[in-house]
Protein backbone atom coordinates (compact mmCIF):
# COMPACT_ATOMS: atom_id res chain seq x y z
CA MET A 1 -225.51 134.84 120.31
CA ASN A 2 -224.73 137.31 123.05
CA VAL A 3 -221.32 138.90 122.31
CA LYS A 4 -219.34 140.70 125.00
CA LYS A 5 -216.23 142.88 124.66
CA TYR A 6 -213.31 143.05 127.09
CA ARG A 7 -210.42 145.56 127.17
CA ALA A 8 -207.06 145.32 128.90
CA THR A 9 -203.48 146.50 128.53
CA THR A 10 -202.25 143.13 127.25
CA THR A 11 -203.84 140.19 125.49
CA ARG A 12 -203.17 137.93 128.48
CA GLU A 13 -205.08 140.26 130.84
CA ALA A 14 -208.03 140.49 128.42
CA LEU A 15 -208.19 136.67 128.12
CA GLU A 16 -208.20 136.38 131.92
CA GLN A 17 -211.25 138.66 132.01
CA VAL A 18 -213.01 136.51 129.41
CA LYS A 19 -212.20 133.35 131.34
CA GLN A 20 -213.46 134.77 134.63
CA ASP A 21 -216.69 136.09 133.10
CA LEU A 22 -217.65 133.43 130.53
CA GLY A 23 -215.72 130.39 131.62
CA ASP A 24 -213.21 128.11 129.92
CA ASP A 25 -215.57 127.22 127.04
CA ALA A 26 -215.95 130.82 125.80
CA PHE A 27 -215.51 131.55 122.10
CA VAL A 28 -213.04 134.35 121.11
CA LEU A 29 -214.54 136.03 118.04
CA GLU A 30 -212.20 139.00 117.43
CA THR A 31 -209.02 140.57 118.81
CA ARG A 32 -207.91 144.13 117.90
CA GLN A 33 -206.01 147.18 119.18
CA VAL A 34 -208.00 150.25 120.25
CA LYS A 35 -207.27 153.64 121.82
CA SER A 36 -209.01 154.77 124.97
CA GLY A 37 -208.87 157.73 127.29
CA GLY A 38 -207.24 161.07 126.59
CA PHE A 39 -208.81 164.23 125.28
CA LEU A 40 -209.69 164.49 121.58
CA GLY A 41 -207.26 161.68 120.85
CA LEU A 42 -204.39 163.28 122.78
CA ARG A 43 -202.52 161.06 125.27
CA ALA A 44 -204.80 158.14 124.44
CA LYS A 45 -203.61 154.72 125.60
CA ARG A 46 -203.46 151.63 123.40
CA GLN A 47 -205.47 148.64 124.68
CA ILE A 48 -206.37 145.17 123.48
CA GLU A 49 -210.08 144.56 122.85
CA ILE A 50 -211.39 140.97 122.65
CA SER A 51 -214.90 140.10 121.49
CA ALA A 52 -216.08 136.81 123.02
CA ALA A 53 -219.22 134.76 123.61
CA SER A 54 -220.06 131.92 125.96
CA SER A 55 -220.99 128.52 124.59
CA SER A 56 -224.04 128.51 126.86
CA LEU A 57 -225.34 131.66 125.19
CA ALA A 58 -225.07 130.23 121.67
CA GLU A 59 -228.20 128.91 120.03
CA LYS A 60 -228.51 125.22 119.37
CA PRO A 61 -228.07 124.03 115.77
CA GLU A 62 -231.65 122.74 115.59
CA GLU A 63 -232.85 126.19 116.62
CA LEU A 64 -230.92 127.73 113.71
CA PHE A 65 -231.87 125.27 110.95
CA GLU A 66 -235.27 123.91 112.03
CA LYS A 67 -236.87 127.03 113.48
CA LYS A 68 -240.61 127.18 112.83
CA THR A 69 -243.13 129.90 113.44
CA LYS A 70 -246.07 129.55 115.85
CA PRO A 71 -249.26 128.10 114.31
CA GLY A 72 -251.96 130.57 113.55
CA ALA A 73 -253.33 132.84 110.91
CA GLY A 74 -250.78 134.08 108.42
CA SER A 75 -248.09 131.67 109.61
CA ILE A 76 -245.17 131.01 107.30
CA LYS A 77 -243.29 127.73 107.09
CA ILE A 78 -239.62 128.59 106.69
CA VAL A 79 -238.19 125.06 106.49
CA ASP A 80 -239.24 122.85 103.56
CA ASP A 81 -239.31 119.21 104.64
CA SER A 82 -239.95 117.88 101.13
CA TYR A 83 -237.44 115.52 99.47
CA ALA A 84 -234.83 117.28 97.28
CA ALA A 85 -234.93 115.90 93.73
CA PRO A 86 -233.73 117.23 90.33
CA ARG A 87 -236.27 119.31 88.44
CA LYS A 88 -237.78 117.81 85.32
CA PRO A 89 -237.30 119.84 82.14
CA SER A 90 -240.42 121.62 81.06
CA ALA A 91 -241.92 120.58 77.77
CA VAL A 92 -241.26 122.74 74.71
CA ASP A 93 -244.29 123.54 72.61
CA ALA A 94 -244.30 122.82 68.89
CA ASN A 95 -244.09 126.48 67.85
CA SER A 96 -240.96 127.14 69.94
CA ARG A 97 -239.37 123.92 68.74
CA GLU A 98 -239.87 124.92 65.10
CA LYS A 99 -238.27 128.36 65.67
CA ILE A 100 -235.19 126.78 67.30
CA LEU A 101 -234.71 124.32 64.44
CA ASN A 102 -235.03 127.10 61.83
CA ALA A 103 -232.38 129.20 63.62
CA LEU A 104 -229.98 126.25 63.76
CA ALA A 105 -230.48 125.59 60.06
CA VAL A 106 -229.68 129.21 59.14
CA ARG A 107 -226.50 129.15 61.25
CA ALA A 108 -225.33 125.90 59.65
CA SER A 109 -226.00 127.28 56.17
CA SER A 110 -223.96 130.47 56.85
CA ALA A 111 -221.06 128.44 58.21
CA LYS A 112 -221.05 126.31 55.06
CA ASN A 113 -220.90 129.43 52.87
CA VAL A 114 -217.89 130.74 54.86
CA GLU A 115 -216.05 127.47 54.28
CA ASN A 116 -216.71 127.79 50.57
CA ILE A 117 -215.40 131.37 50.47
CA ILE A 118 -212.34 130.81 52.68
CA PRO A 119 -210.91 127.36 52.07
CA LYS A 120 -208.91 125.62 54.70
CA ALA A 121 -205.24 126.65 54.77
CA SER A 122 -202.94 124.03 53.37
CA LYS A 123 -199.51 123.40 54.72
CA ASN A 124 -198.08 125.44 51.88
CA LEU A 125 -199.51 128.92 52.47
CA ASN A 126 -198.61 130.02 48.96
CA GLU A 127 -201.06 127.47 47.42
CA ILE A 128 -204.25 129.35 48.26
CA PRO A 129 -206.74 129.84 45.40
CA ALA A 130 -208.04 133.31 44.75
CA THR A 131 -211.75 133.94 45.34
CA GLY A 132 -213.70 136.95 44.19
CA THR A 133 -211.93 140.03 42.91
CA LYS A 134 -209.31 140.21 45.75
CA GLN A 135 -206.55 137.72 46.39
CA ILE A 136 -206.73 136.20 49.86
CA GLU A 137 -203.59 135.82 51.96
CA VAL A 138 -203.52 133.60 55.03
CA VAL A 139 -201.21 134.60 57.89
CA GLU A 140 -200.54 131.99 60.58
CA LEU A 141 -199.35 133.40 63.91
CA ASN A 142 -198.56 130.03 65.48
CA PRO A 143 -199.54 126.40 64.79
CA GLU A 144 -202.32 126.37 67.40
CA ALA A 145 -203.76 129.80 66.66
CA PRO A 146 -206.69 130.29 64.25
CA LYS A 147 -205.99 131.53 60.76
CA ILE A 148 -206.13 135.31 60.15
CA VAL A 149 -207.06 136.34 56.63
CA HIS A 150 -206.05 139.65 55.04
CA ALA A 151 -206.59 141.06 51.61
CA LYS A 152 -203.30 141.10 49.72
CA LYS A 153 -202.10 144.60 48.80
CA LYS A 154 -199.82 145.56 45.98
CA ALA A 155 -196.40 146.93 46.98
CA ALA A 156 -196.04 150.68 46.54
CA THR A 157 -193.77 151.73 43.70
CA ALA A 158 -190.71 153.79 44.70
CA PRO A 159 -190.63 157.38 43.36
CA LYS A 160 -187.86 158.57 41.14
CA GLY A 161 -184.68 159.55 42.92
CA ALA A 162 -185.37 157.20 45.83
CA VAL A 163 -182.49 156.42 48.17
CA PRO A 164 -182.27 152.74 49.19
CA VAL A 165 -182.06 152.08 52.91
CA ASN A 166 -181.69 148.97 55.08
CA THR A 167 -185.42 148.69 55.78
CA GLY A 168 -186.11 146.29 52.92
CA GLY A 169 -187.70 149.04 50.81
CA SER A 170 -186.95 152.48 49.40
CA ILE A 171 -187.42 155.98 50.74
CA SER A 172 -186.75 159.34 49.15
CA LYS A 173 -184.18 161.83 50.42
CA SER A 174 -186.92 164.37 51.09
CA ASP A 175 -188.67 161.86 53.34
CA ILE A 176 -185.43 161.29 55.27
CA ASP A 177 -185.00 165.04 55.78
CA GLN A 178 -188.60 165.28 56.96
CA ILE A 179 -188.09 162.47 59.47
CA ARG A 180 -184.92 164.12 60.78
CA ALA A 181 -186.73 167.43 61.22
CA GLU A 182 -189.53 165.74 63.15
CA LEU A 183 -187.03 163.91 65.37
CA ARG A 184 -185.30 167.21 66.18
CA GLU A 185 -188.58 168.78 67.22
CA MET A 186 -189.39 165.72 69.34
CA LYS A 187 -185.99 165.99 71.07
CA PHE A 188 -186.54 169.60 71.98
CA SER A 189 -190.13 168.95 73.05
CA LEU A 190 -188.99 166.18 75.40
CA ASN A 191 -186.18 168.45 76.57
CA ALA A 192 -188.75 170.67 78.28
CA PHE A 193 -189.45 167.86 80.77
CA GLY A 194 -185.75 167.42 81.65
CA PRO A 195 -183.63 169.20 84.27
CA GLU A 196 -183.53 172.98 84.24
CA SER A 197 -179.84 172.94 83.26
CA THR A 198 -180.55 171.21 79.92
CA ARG A 199 -183.62 173.19 78.85
CA TYR A 200 -183.61 175.61 75.93
CA HIS A 201 -184.68 179.13 76.76
CA GLY A 202 -186.04 181.42 74.10
CA GLU A 203 -186.72 180.55 70.49
CA VAL A 204 -184.86 177.74 68.71
CA ASN A 205 -184.30 178.04 64.97
CA PHE A 206 -184.23 174.51 63.54
CA GLU A 207 -183.33 175.74 60.06
CA LYS A 208 -180.18 177.58 61.16
CA ASP A 209 -177.21 175.33 61.98
CA SER A 210 -179.46 172.28 61.93
CA ALA A 211 -176.46 169.93 62.21
CA ILE A 212 -175.90 170.79 65.88
CA TYR A 213 -179.23 169.14 66.69
CA ASP A 214 -177.99 165.77 65.36
CA TYR A 215 -175.42 163.26 66.61
CA PRO A 216 -172.83 163.84 68.06
CA PHE A 217 -173.43 167.56 68.64
CA TYR A 218 -176.72 167.20 70.48
CA GLU A 219 -175.17 164.69 72.92
CA SER A 220 -172.30 167.12 73.57
CA TYR A 221 -174.83 169.89 74.16
CA LEU A 222 -176.61 167.84 76.84
CA GLU A 223 -173.35 166.92 78.54
CA LEU A 224 -172.12 170.52 78.63
CA SER A 225 -175.48 171.82 79.77
CA LYS A 226 -175.31 169.62 82.85
CA THR A 227 -172.27 171.62 84.01
CA GLY A 228 -174.40 174.79 84.19
CA LEU A 229 -172.88 176.62 81.21
CA ASP A 230 -175.09 179.02 79.26
CA PRO A 231 -177.03 176.99 76.59
CA GLU A 232 -176.85 179.77 74.00
CA ARG A 233 -173.07 179.95 74.42
CA ILE A 234 -172.81 176.16 74.00
CA ARG A 235 -174.86 176.14 70.77
CA LYS A 236 -172.83 179.01 69.36
CA HIS A 237 -169.50 177.21 69.79
CA LEU A 238 -170.89 173.82 68.77
CA ALA A 239 -171.78 175.31 65.39
CA GLU A 240 -168.15 176.33 64.91
CA PHE A 241 -167.05 172.67 64.90
CA VAL A 242 -169.59 171.44 62.32
CA PRO A 243 -167.33 172.01 59.26
CA GLN A 244 -164.39 170.17 60.87
CA PHE A 245 -166.60 167.24 61.79
CA SER A 246 -168.13 167.09 58.31
CA ASN A 247 -164.65 166.94 56.75
CA GLY A 248 -163.61 164.10 59.05
CA ALA A 249 -160.92 166.21 60.76
CA LEU A 250 -162.62 166.09 64.18
CA PRO A 251 -163.05 162.91 66.28
CA SER A 252 -166.52 162.69 67.80
CA ASP A 253 -165.27 161.13 71.06
CA ASN A 254 -163.44 164.35 72.00
CA LEU A 255 -165.97 166.89 70.74
CA THR A 256 -167.29 167.81 74.20
CA ARG A 257 -163.87 168.70 75.61
CA LEU A 258 -162.91 170.74 72.54
CA VAL A 259 -166.13 172.75 72.74
CA LEU A 260 -165.58 173.33 76.47
CA LYS A 261 -162.04 174.64 75.87
CA ARG A 262 -163.30 176.89 73.07
CA ILE A 263 -165.95 178.32 75.42
CA LEU A 264 -163.40 178.92 78.18
CA ASP A 265 -160.86 180.55 75.84
CA SER A 266 -163.44 182.84 74.25
CA SER A 267 -165.43 183.83 77.36
CA LEU A 268 -162.82 183.99 80.13
CA GLU A 269 -159.67 186.01 80.57
CA PHE A 270 -156.84 184.30 82.45
CA PHE A 271 -154.42 186.36 84.52
CA GLY A 272 -151.87 183.63 85.15
CA ASP A 273 -150.00 183.34 88.47
CA PRO A 274 -149.93 186.82 90.09
CA LEU A 275 -146.96 185.82 92.32
CA GLU A 276 -144.83 185.62 89.20
CA LYS A 277 -145.46 189.34 88.62
CA THR A 278 -145.63 190.75 92.16
CA LYS A 279 -144.48 189.90 95.67
CA ARG A 280 -147.52 191.19 97.51
CA LEU A 281 -150.96 189.64 97.25
CA ALA A 282 -154.12 190.20 99.30
CA LEU A 283 -157.17 187.88 99.47
CA ILE A 284 -160.51 189.69 99.75
CA GLY A 285 -164.06 188.38 99.83
CA ALA A 286 -167.11 187.57 101.90
CA THR A 287 -167.20 185.44 105.03
CA GLY A 288 -166.66 181.72 104.53
CA VAL A 289 -165.48 181.76 100.91
CA GLY A 290 -162.14 180.09 101.73
CA LYS A 291 -159.70 183.01 101.94
CA THR A 292 -157.57 181.68 104.80
CA THR A 293 -157.29 178.20 103.28
CA THR A 294 -156.37 179.70 99.90
CA ILE A 295 -153.69 181.86 101.57
CA ALA A 296 -152.23 178.73 103.18
CA LYS A 297 -152.20 176.89 99.83
CA LEU A 298 -150.43 179.79 98.09
CA ALA A 299 -147.91 180.10 100.93
CA ALA A 300 -147.15 176.37 100.93
CA ARG A 301 -146.74 176.28 97.16
CA ALA A 302 -144.45 179.33 97.16
CA THR A 303 -142.36 177.96 100.04
CA LEU A 304 -142.20 174.23 99.32
CA GLN A 305 -142.30 174.22 95.52
CA ASP A 306 -140.81 177.57 94.48
CA GLY A 307 -138.41 178.00 97.43
CA LYS A 308 -139.56 181.56 98.21
CA ASN A 309 -139.37 183.33 101.57
CA VAL A 310 -143.02 183.86 102.56
CA GLU A 311 -144.52 186.14 105.22
CA LEU A 312 -148.20 185.89 106.23
CA VAL A 313 -150.10 188.98 107.43
CA THR A 314 -153.64 188.75 108.75
CA LEU A 315 -156.24 191.43 109.43
CA ASP A 316 -158.85 188.85 110.38
CA THR A 317 -159.02 189.35 114.15
CA TYR A 318 -162.81 189.31 114.02
CA ARG A 319 -163.35 185.61 113.28
CA ILE A 320 -162.81 183.18 116.15
CA ALA A 321 -159.57 181.14 115.87
CA ALA A 322 -158.67 182.74 112.51
CA VAL A 323 -155.28 183.95 113.82
CA GLU A 324 -154.51 180.56 115.42
CA GLN A 325 -155.37 178.79 112.17
CA LEU A 326 -152.99 180.95 110.13
CA LYS A 327 -150.24 180.63 112.74
CA THR A 328 -150.54 176.84 112.58
CA TYR A 329 -150.16 176.89 108.81
CA SER A 330 -147.15 179.21 109.04
CA GLU A 331 -145.39 176.94 111.55
CA ILE A 332 -145.93 173.89 109.36
CA ILE A 333 -144.52 175.44 106.19
CA GLY A 334 -141.88 177.56 107.92
CA ALA A 335 -143.29 180.99 107.07
CA GLY A 336 -143.52 184.13 109.22
CA CYS A 337 -146.90 185.24 110.60
CA HIS A 338 -147.91 188.79 111.60
CA VAL A 339 -151.19 190.00 113.13
CA VAL A 340 -152.31 193.59 112.48
CA ARG A 341 -155.51 195.32 113.55
CA THR A 342 -155.46 198.64 111.70
CA VAL A 343 -154.38 200.03 108.37
CA GLU A 344 -151.52 201.88 110.05
CA GLU A 345 -150.15 198.66 111.52
CA LEU A 346 -150.47 196.99 108.11
CA ASP A 347 -148.50 199.76 106.42
CA GLU A 348 -145.74 199.62 109.09
CA THR A 349 -145.48 195.82 108.80
CA LEU A 350 -145.18 195.95 105.00
CA ASP A 351 -142.41 198.57 105.30
CA LYS A 352 -140.48 196.38 107.74
CA LEU A 353 -140.74 193.29 105.53
CA GLY A 354 -139.44 195.15 102.48
CA ASP A 355 -139.29 193.69 98.98
CA GLU A 356 -137.22 190.59 99.72
CA SER A 357 -140.13 188.42 100.94
CA THR A 358 -143.37 187.34 99.30
CA VAL A 359 -146.14 188.81 101.46
CA LEU A 360 -149.63 187.25 101.52
CA ILE A 361 -152.37 189.29 103.25
CA ASP A 362 -155.54 187.71 104.68
CA THR A 363 -158.32 190.29 105.12
CA THR A 364 -161.41 190.22 107.30
CA GLY A 365 -164.46 188.57 105.77
CA ARG A 366 -167.59 190.69 105.60
CA SER A 367 -171.01 190.43 104.05
CA PRO A 368 -170.99 192.16 100.65
CA TYR A 369 -174.13 194.01 101.74
CA ASP A 370 -172.50 195.39 104.91
CA LEU A 371 -169.08 196.92 104.16
CA SER A 372 -169.65 200.22 105.93
CA ASP A 373 -166.85 199.62 108.46
CA GLN A 374 -164.30 198.51 105.86
CA PHE A 375 -163.66 201.82 104.07
CA ASP A 376 -160.21 202.26 105.66
CA VAL A 377 -158.98 198.87 104.45
CA SER A 378 -160.65 199.14 101.05
CA ASP A 379 -159.20 202.61 100.41
CA TYR A 380 -155.72 201.47 101.43
CA LEU A 381 -155.79 198.45 99.11
CA LEU A 382 -157.42 200.42 96.28
CA ASN A 383 -154.67 203.06 96.30
CA ASN A 384 -151.79 200.62 96.81
CA LYS A 385 -151.04 199.42 93.29
CA GLU A 386 -148.15 197.21 94.42
CA ILE A 387 -150.58 194.81 96.12
CA HIS A 388 -152.43 192.42 93.82
CA LYS A 389 -156.00 191.98 95.07
CA CYS A 390 -157.61 188.55 94.46
CA LEU A 391 -161.36 188.35 95.05
CA ALA A 392 -162.47 184.88 96.22
CA ILE A 393 -165.82 183.67 94.78
CA PRO A 394 -167.14 180.20 95.76
CA ALA A 395 -168.56 177.99 93.00
CA THR A 396 -171.46 177.06 95.29
CA LEU A 397 -172.84 180.62 95.24
CA ASN A 398 -175.74 181.37 92.92
CA SER A 399 -175.08 183.65 89.96
CA HIS A 400 -177.11 186.61 91.26
CA ASP A 401 -175.33 186.77 94.64
CA ALA A 402 -171.94 186.10 93.05
CA LEU A 403 -172.28 189.07 90.68
CA ALA A 404 -173.55 191.23 93.54
CA SER A 405 -170.50 190.28 95.62
CA ILE A 406 -168.15 191.16 92.76
CA ARG A 407 -169.75 194.60 92.37
CA LYS A 408 -169.66 195.30 96.11
CA PHE A 409 -166.01 194.31 96.53
CA ASP A 410 -165.04 196.46 93.58
CA MET A 411 -164.36 199.15 96.20
CA TYR A 412 -161.19 197.21 97.15
CA GLY A 413 -159.89 197.45 93.58
CA ALA A 414 -159.94 193.70 92.79
CA ASN A 415 -157.48 192.72 90.05
CA SER A 416 -158.45 189.06 89.51
CA LEU A 417 -160.70 186.27 90.73
CA VAL A 418 -160.01 183.11 92.72
CA LEU A 419 -162.73 180.49 92.15
CA THR A 420 -163.03 178.35 95.29
CA LYS A 421 -164.95 175.17 96.21
CA LEU A 422 -165.20 173.82 92.65
CA ASP A 423 -165.29 170.34 94.18
CA GLU A 424 -168.48 171.14 96.12
CA THR A 425 -170.80 171.73 93.15
CA SER A 426 -172.11 169.62 90.28
CA ARG A 427 -172.61 172.73 88.11
CA PRO A 428 -169.31 174.65 88.02
CA GLY A 429 -170.36 176.25 84.74
CA LEU A 430 -172.47 178.75 86.68
CA VAL A 431 -169.48 180.37 88.36
CA LEU A 432 -167.59 180.30 85.05
CA ASP A 433 -170.39 182.27 83.39
CA THR A 434 -170.36 184.64 86.37
CA ALA A 435 -166.61 185.18 85.96
CA SER A 436 -167.16 185.90 82.28
CA ASP A 437 -169.85 188.49 83.06
CA SER A 438 -167.65 190.17 85.71
CA LYS A 439 -164.96 191.16 83.16
CA LEU A 440 -162.28 190.20 85.73
CA ALA A 441 -159.49 187.80 84.83
CA VAL A 442 -159.25 184.47 86.67
CA SER A 443 -155.95 183.74 88.40
CA TYR A 444 -156.52 180.58 90.50
CA PHE A 445 -159.16 178.00 91.28
CA CYS A 446 -159.42 175.66 94.30
CA MET A 447 -161.03 172.22 94.47
CA GLY A 448 -160.47 170.79 97.95
CA GLN A 449 -158.96 171.22 101.42
CA ARG A 450 -155.53 169.72 100.81
CA VAL A 451 -152.58 172.11 101.18
CA PRO A 452 -151.02 172.84 98.73
CA GLU A 453 -152.30 170.19 96.26
CA ASP A 454 -155.83 171.55 95.74
CA ILE A 455 -155.04 174.83 94.00
CA ARG A 456 -154.29 175.42 90.31
CA THR A 457 -153.29 178.37 88.17
CA ALA A 458 -156.31 178.94 85.98
CA ASN A 459 -156.29 178.40 82.22
CA ALA A 460 -158.58 176.66 79.73
CA GLU A 461 -156.72 173.34 80.03
CA THR A 462 -156.69 173.09 83.83
CA ILE A 463 -160.32 174.22 84.22
CA ALA A 464 -161.48 171.76 81.54
CA ASP A 465 -159.70 168.97 83.44
CA GLN A 466 -161.57 169.95 86.60
CA VAL A 467 -165.01 170.47 85.05
CA MET A 468 -164.94 167.32 82.88
CA PRO A 469 -162.11 165.07 84.13
CA HIS A 470 -163.54 162.01 82.32
CA ALA A 471 -163.21 163.59 78.86
CA ASN A 472 -160.68 162.11 76.44
CA THR A 473 -157.52 164.22 76.28
CA SER A 474 -155.70 162.31 73.55
CA TYR A 475 -156.61 164.78 70.84
CA ARG A 476 -155.43 168.39 70.86
CA MET A 477 -156.74 170.93 68.39
CA SER A 478 -154.13 172.97 66.58
CA ALA A 479 -153.97 176.64 67.51
């Protein structure tokens, strides 16, 4: 059969080519998409390729099935014209017949011996006679399945001092302790394949405080580790609750929250609300940490909730629309707004405002690694003890950069921390550990853009509510 190939942009065009070349009786053998043209495959066009053959070019059936070679020397007849009939079985000689019969006799004899050794199972499986030295036990998986025979074993005798369990047998207390120890090791081995936040770092002593590796302490450990808190710190405070839990004085459903509060109380220092102790507060920090929004929240809370007279002062003339943003907030809450560009203007403005108003100062955001042009402002704030300096640290910042920012902004004389953007991270424990390492007290934390709802005065209770809001709060541990 002579096959030809035709290419066109569409299938209809390719079929037209086949029809014009081979006629209406052409056979279409294959249709596929191909690429043609272009350079090294670039800008190649997709086309339809049809493989077809004409009926006139096809060989006749008799030529395919009755083809014969030319007569002559060495000719081969391909087609066998003889009548097709079933083949007669070949005769088996006497020697082979005797071997087959002997093999069948041996197989029948061995089967008879098996039936004598293993009798047929009766309906009552307990009525099975013993054969040989071992008692035979028949186990039936289902009515249609064949019988499976096992040698009956004697039940093991329980050692002295065995503790009965609900497994139908007995097991010693030492075996139970061994199983628990192996389960603990398996937990910690599998823990290595989990998220980084739940992995143990360093050596783990399974003998010391072994109870914290069992329920419910291990579950609390995993839940607290997901928040990003230091694993060693979690294990340390979990161990402190073991005696209370053993005595039944501690409910297991509230263990996680109690451990979290213990960690916060022991690792963090809380400053309280600085505006209850001073009337002048400045927000410092890097670019984009939420200083202006935090200033607006504090101003709205002081004006709308506490009824204070608030004045806003901004040094942030560098960022686009920063002044307009603060002016908009001040108009909404009914506070004054003042724009200063130098330290001298700031000092004059503070003198004019006096001590009757609560003054909130918004400073210019700068990279913590480039504060060379901020020495005038930093020196003024550092030497002015009447102004409380709050350093804003976002919870989304990694621990290394957060600690570096705290060290760099120490030149401003920061008095406390404001933890911002707690709602934008799934691991707020990281910034809590950073705050603990900084040795600075925490005054506020923010968890959204709403003014003034999304700001809280920091303490163990309010932070625990933010970090784990789903935890049960019905139980309160006595002081």
